[in-house]
Amino acid sequence: MAFVGFGGFNRANQAAILQQQVSDQLQAQNIMTQIGAEQRKSQMQRWQINSELQTKIHEITAKVTVNKAKMADKAMNAITQYISS
């Protein structure tokens, strides 16, 4: 028999403790679910930012390449014109 009285455990106390433990476990599971959802959301945002960054890098690189080619063409035309004159 369990000691019932000053600080002793009885079935009602045990049931209340068990109920609190179950409640705590459910809260922990809910928190973990929320953390997982936030992690997935953050990962998608990082992927989107990285994708946009890579697109901008590609666009800038393409513009620089075109500008270098134009400068080379201008320089060649200037040399050709100088030689022709």
N, C-alpha and C. Protein backbone atom coordinates (compact mmCIF):
# COMPACT_ATOMS: atom_id res chain seq x y z
N MET A 1 0.83 -1.18 0.00
CA MET A 1 0.00 0.00 0.00
C MET A 1 0.88 1.24 0.00
N ALA A 2 0.43 2.22 -0.71
CA ALA A 2 1.15 3.48 -0.76
C ALA A 2 0.81 4.30 0.48
N PHE A 3 1.77 5.06 0.92
CA PHE A 3 1.58 5.92 2.08
C PHE A 3 0.68 7.09 1.70
N VAL A 4 -0.41 7.25 2.38
CA VAL A 4 -1.35 8.33 2.12
C VAL A 4 -1.33 9.24 3.34
N GLY A 5 -1.12 10.51 3.08
CA GLY A 5 -1.09 11.44 4.19
C GLY A 5 -0.16 12.58 3.87
N PHE A 6 0.62 12.96 4.82
CA PHE A 6 1.51 14.12 4.67
C PHE A 6 2.55 13.87 3.59
N GLY A 7 2.30 14.37 2.39
CA GLY A 7 3.25 14.24 1.29
C GLY A 7 3.27 12.86 0.66
N GLY A 8 2.44 11.97 1.09
CA GLY A 8 2.42 10.64 0.51
C GLY A 8 1.71 10.65 -0.84
N PHE A 9 1.99 9.64 -1.64
CA PHE A 9 1.37 9.56 -2.96
C PHE A 9 0.13 8.68 -2.89
N ASN A 10 -0.89 9.14 -3.49
CA ASN A 10 -2.07 8.31 -3.66
C ASN A 10 -2.41 8.29 -5.14
N ARG A 11 -3.43 7.58 -5.49
CA ARG A 11 -3.76 7.43 -6.91
C ARG A 11 -4.11 8.76 -7.57
N ALA A 12 -4.76 9.64 -6.87
CA ALA A 12 -5.12 10.95 -7.45
C ALA A 12 -3.87 11.76 -7.74
N ASN A 13 -2.91 11.73 -6.81
CA ASN A 13 -1.65 12.45 -7.04
C ASN A 13 -0.89 11.84 -8.21
N GLN A 14 -0.85 10.52 -8.26
CA GLN A 14 -0.15 9.85 -9.35
C GLN A 14 -0.80 10.18 -10.69
N ALA A 15 -2.12 10.20 -10.72
CA ALA A 15 -2.83 10.52 -11.96
C ALA A 15 -2.55 11.96 -12.38
N ALA A 16 -2.52 12.87 -11.42
CA ALA A 16 -2.24 14.27 -11.73
C ALA A 16 -0.82 14.44 -12.26
N ILE A 17 0.12 13.73 -11.64
CA ILE A 17 1.51 13.81 -12.11
C ILE A 17 1.63 13.24 -13.51
N LEU A 18 1.01 12.09 -13.76
CA LEU A 18 1.04 11.48 -15.09
C LEU A 18 0.41 12.40 -16.13
N GLN A 19 -0.71 13.01 -15.77
CA GLN A 19 -1.39 13.93 -16.69
C GLN A 19 -0.48 15.12 -17.01
N GLN A 20 0.22 15.64 -16.02
CA GLN A 20 1.14 16.76 -16.24
C GLN A 20 2.30 16.34 -17.14
N GLN A 21 2.81 15.13 -16.94
CA GLN A 21 3.90 14.64 -17.77
C GLN A 21 3.46 14.50 -19.23
N VAL A 22 2.28 13.97 -19.43
CA VAL A 22 1.75 13.83 -20.79
C VAL A 22 1.56 15.20 -21.43
N SER A 23 1.04 16.14 -20.66
CA SER A 23 0.85 17.50 -21.15
C SER A 23 2.20 18.13 -21.53
N ASP A 24 3.20 17.92 -20.68
CA ASP A 24 4.54 18.46 -20.97
C ASP A 24 5.12 17.84 -22.24
N GLN A 25 4.92 16.54 -22.42
CA GLN A 25 5.42 15.88 -23.62
C GLN A 25 4.73 16.41 -24.88
N LEU A 26 3.43 16.63 -24.80
CA LEU A 26 2.71 17.18 -25.95
C LEU A 26 3.18 18.59 -26.27
N GLN A 27 3.42 19.39 -25.25
CA GLN A 27 3.94 20.74 -25.47
C GLN A 27 5.32 20.69 -26.12
N ALA A 28 6.15 19.77 -25.65
CA ALA A 28 7.49 19.62 -26.23
C ALA A 28 7.40 19.20 -27.69
N GLN A 29 6.49 18.29 -28.00
CA GLN A 29 6.31 17.87 -29.39
C GLN A 29 5.83 19.03 -30.26
N ASN A 30 4.91 19.83 -29.74
CA ASN A 30 4.43 20.99 -30.49
C ASN A 30 5.55 21.98 -30.74
N ILE A 31 6.37 22.21 -29.73
CA ILE A 31 7.50 23.13 -29.89
C ILE A 31 8.47 22.59 -30.94
N MET A 32 8.76 21.30 -30.90
CA MET A 32 9.68 20.71 -31.88
C MET A 32 9.09 20.80 -33.29
N THR A 33 7.79 20.62 -33.42
CA THR A 33 7.14 20.76 -34.73
C THR A 33 7.28 22.19 -35.24
N GLN A 34 7.08 23.16 -34.36
CA GLN A 34 7.23 24.57 -34.74
C GLN A 34 8.67 24.88 -35.14
N ILE A 35 9.62 24.34 -34.38
CA ILE A 35 11.03 24.56 -34.70
C ILE A 35 11.35 23.98 -36.08
N GLY A 36 10.85 22.78 -36.35
CA GLY A 36 11.07 22.16 -37.66
C GLY A 36 10.49 22.99 -38.78
N ALA A 37 9.29 23.50 -38.58
CA ALA A 37 8.65 24.33 -39.61
C ALA A 37 9.45 25.61 -39.84
N GLU A 38 9.92 26.23 -38.77
CA GLU A 38 10.73 27.45 -38.90
C GLU A 38 12.05 27.15 -39.62
N GLN A 39 12.64 26.01 -39.32
CA GLN A 39 13.89 25.64 -39.99
C GLN A 39 13.67 25.45 -41.48
N ARG A 40 12.58 24.78 -41.85
CA ARG A 40 12.29 24.58 -43.28
C ARG A 40 12.03 25.93 -43.96
N LYS A 41 11.29 26.80 -43.30
CA LYS A 41 11.01 28.12 -43.85
C LYS A 41 12.30 28.91 -44.03
N SER A 42 13.16 28.89 -43.02
CA SER A 42 14.44 29.61 -43.11
C SER A 42 15.31 29.04 -44.22
N GLN A 43 15.32 27.72 -44.37
CA GLN A 43 16.11 27.10 -45.43
C GLN A 43 15.61 27.53 -46.80
N MET A 44 14.31 27.58 -46.98
CA MET A 44 13.75 28.02 -48.26
C MET A 44 14.09 29.48 -48.53
N GLN A 45 14.05 30.31 -47.51
CA GLN A 45 14.41 31.72 -47.68
C GLN A 45 15.89 31.85 -48.05
N ARG A 46 16.75 31.07 -47.38
CA ARG A 46 18.18 31.11 -47.73
C ARG A 46 18.41 30.65 -49.16
N TRP A 47 17.68 29.59 -49.58
CA TRP A 47 17.81 29.09 -50.94
C TRP A 47 17.37 30.16 -51.94
N GLN A 48 16.27 30.84 -51.65
CA GLN A 48 15.76 31.89 -52.54
C GLN A 48 16.76 33.04 -52.65
N ILE A 49 17.31 33.47 -51.51
CA ILE A 49 18.30 34.55 -51.52
C ILE A 49 19.53 34.13 -52.31
N ASN A 50 20.00 32.91 -52.09
CA ASN A 50 21.17 32.41 -52.81
C ASN A 50 20.90 32.32 -54.31
N SER A 51 19.71 31.89 -54.67
CA SER A 51 19.35 31.80 -56.08
C SER A 51 19.35 33.18 -56.74
N GLU A 52 18.76 34.16 -56.06
CA GLU A 52 18.74 35.53 -56.59
C GLU A 52 20.15 36.10 -56.69
N LEU A 53 20.98 35.80 -55.70
CA LEU A 53 22.37 36.26 -55.72
C LEU A 53 23.12 35.67 -56.90
N GLN A 54 22.95 34.38 -57.14
CA GLN A 54 23.63 33.73 -58.26
C GLN A 54 23.16 34.32 -59.59
N THR A 55 21.88 34.62 -59.70
CA THR A 55 21.35 35.24 -60.92
C THR A 55 21.99 36.61 -61.14
N LYS A 56 22.07 37.42 -60.09
CA LYS A 56 22.69 38.75 -60.21
C LYS A 56 24.16 38.64 -60.59
N ILE A 57 24.86 37.70 -59.97
CA ILE A 57 26.28 37.50 -60.30
C ILE A 57 26.43 37.15 -61.77
N HIS A 58 25.58 36.26 -62.26
CA HIS A 58 25.63 35.87 -63.67
C HIS A 58 25.35 37.07 -64.58
N GLU A 59 24.34 37.87 -64.23
CA GLU A 59 24.01 39.05 -65.05
C GLU A 59 25.16 40.04 -65.08
N ILE A 60 25.75 40.30 -63.93
CA ILE A 60 26.87 41.26 -63.86
C ILE A 60 28.06 40.73 -64.64
N THR A 61 28.36 39.45 -64.49
CA THR A 61 29.48 38.85 -65.22
C THR A 61 29.26 38.96 -66.72
N ALA A 62 28.04 38.72 -67.17
CA ALA A 62 27.74 38.84 -68.60
C ALA A 62 27.92 40.27 -69.08
N LYS A 63 27.48 41.25 -68.30
CA LYS A 63 27.63 42.66 -68.69
C LYS A 63 29.10 43.04 -68.75
N VAL A 64 29.88 42.60 -67.78
CA VAL A 64 31.31 42.91 -67.77
C VAL A 64 31.99 42.30 -68.99
N THR A 65 31.63 41.08 -69.33
CA THR A 65 32.21 40.42 -70.50
C THR A 65 31.89 41.20 -71.77
N VAL A 66 30.65 41.63 -71.92
CA VAL A 66 30.25 42.41 -73.10
C VAL A 66 31.00 43.74 -73.13
N ASN A 67 31.09 44.41 -71.98
CA ASN A 67 31.80 45.69 -71.93
C ASN A 67 33.27 45.53 -72.27
N LYS A 68 33.90 44.47 -71.81
CA LYS A 68 35.31 44.22 -72.15
C LYS A 68 35.46 44.02 -73.65
N ALA A 69 34.55 43.27 -74.24
CA ALA A 69 34.61 43.04 -75.68
C ALA A 69 34.42 44.35 -76.45
N LYS A 70 33.50 45.19 -76.00
CA LYS A 70 33.28 46.49 -76.66
C LYS A 70 34.52 47.36 -76.54
N MET A 71 35.16 47.37 -75.37
CA MET A 71 36.37 48.17 -75.19
C MET A 71 37.49 47.67 -76.10
N ALA A 72 37.60 46.34 -76.22
CA ALA A 72 38.62 45.78 -77.10
C ALA A 72 38.33 46.16 -78.55
N ASP A 73 37.06 46.11 -78.95
CA ASP A 73 36.69 46.51 -80.32
C ASP A 73 37.01 47.99 -80.55
N LYS A 74 36.70 48.84 -79.59
CA LYS A 74 37.00 50.27 -79.73
C LYS A 74 38.50 50.50 -79.85
N ALA A 75 39.25 49.78 -79.03
CA ALA A 75 40.71 49.93 -79.09
C ALA A 75 41.23 49.47 -80.44
N MET A 76 40.73 48.37 -80.94
CA MET A 76 41.17 47.86 -82.24
C MET A 76 40.78 48.83 -83.35
N ASN A 77 39.58 49.37 -83.28
CA ASN A 77 39.15 50.35 -84.29
C ASN A 77 40.02 51.60 -84.24
N ALA A 78 40.38 52.04 -83.04
CA ALA A 78 41.24 53.22 -82.92
C ALA A 78 42.62 52.94 -83.50
N ILE A 79 43.15 51.76 -83.24
CA ILE A 79 44.47 51.41 -83.81
C ILE A 79 44.38 51.32 -85.32
N THR A 80 43.32 50.69 -85.82
CA THR A 80 43.15 50.56 -87.27
C THR A 80 43.01 51.93 -87.92
N GLN A 81 42.25 52.81 -87.30
CA GLN A 81 42.07 54.16 -87.84
C GLN A 81 43.39 54.93 -87.80
N TYR A 82 44.16 54.77 -86.74
CA TYR A 82 45.45 55.46 -86.63
C TYR A 82 46.41 54.97 -87.72
N ILE A 83 46.42 53.66 -87.93
CA ILE A 83 47.31 53.11 -88.96
C ILE A 83 46.86 53.56 -90.34
N SER A 84 45.55 53.62 -90.57
CA SER A 84 45.02 53.99 -91.89
C SER A 84 45.26 55.45 -92.21
N SER A 85 45.40 56.29 -91.20
CA SER A 85 45.53 57.71 -91.50
C SER A 85 46.94 58.13 -91.71
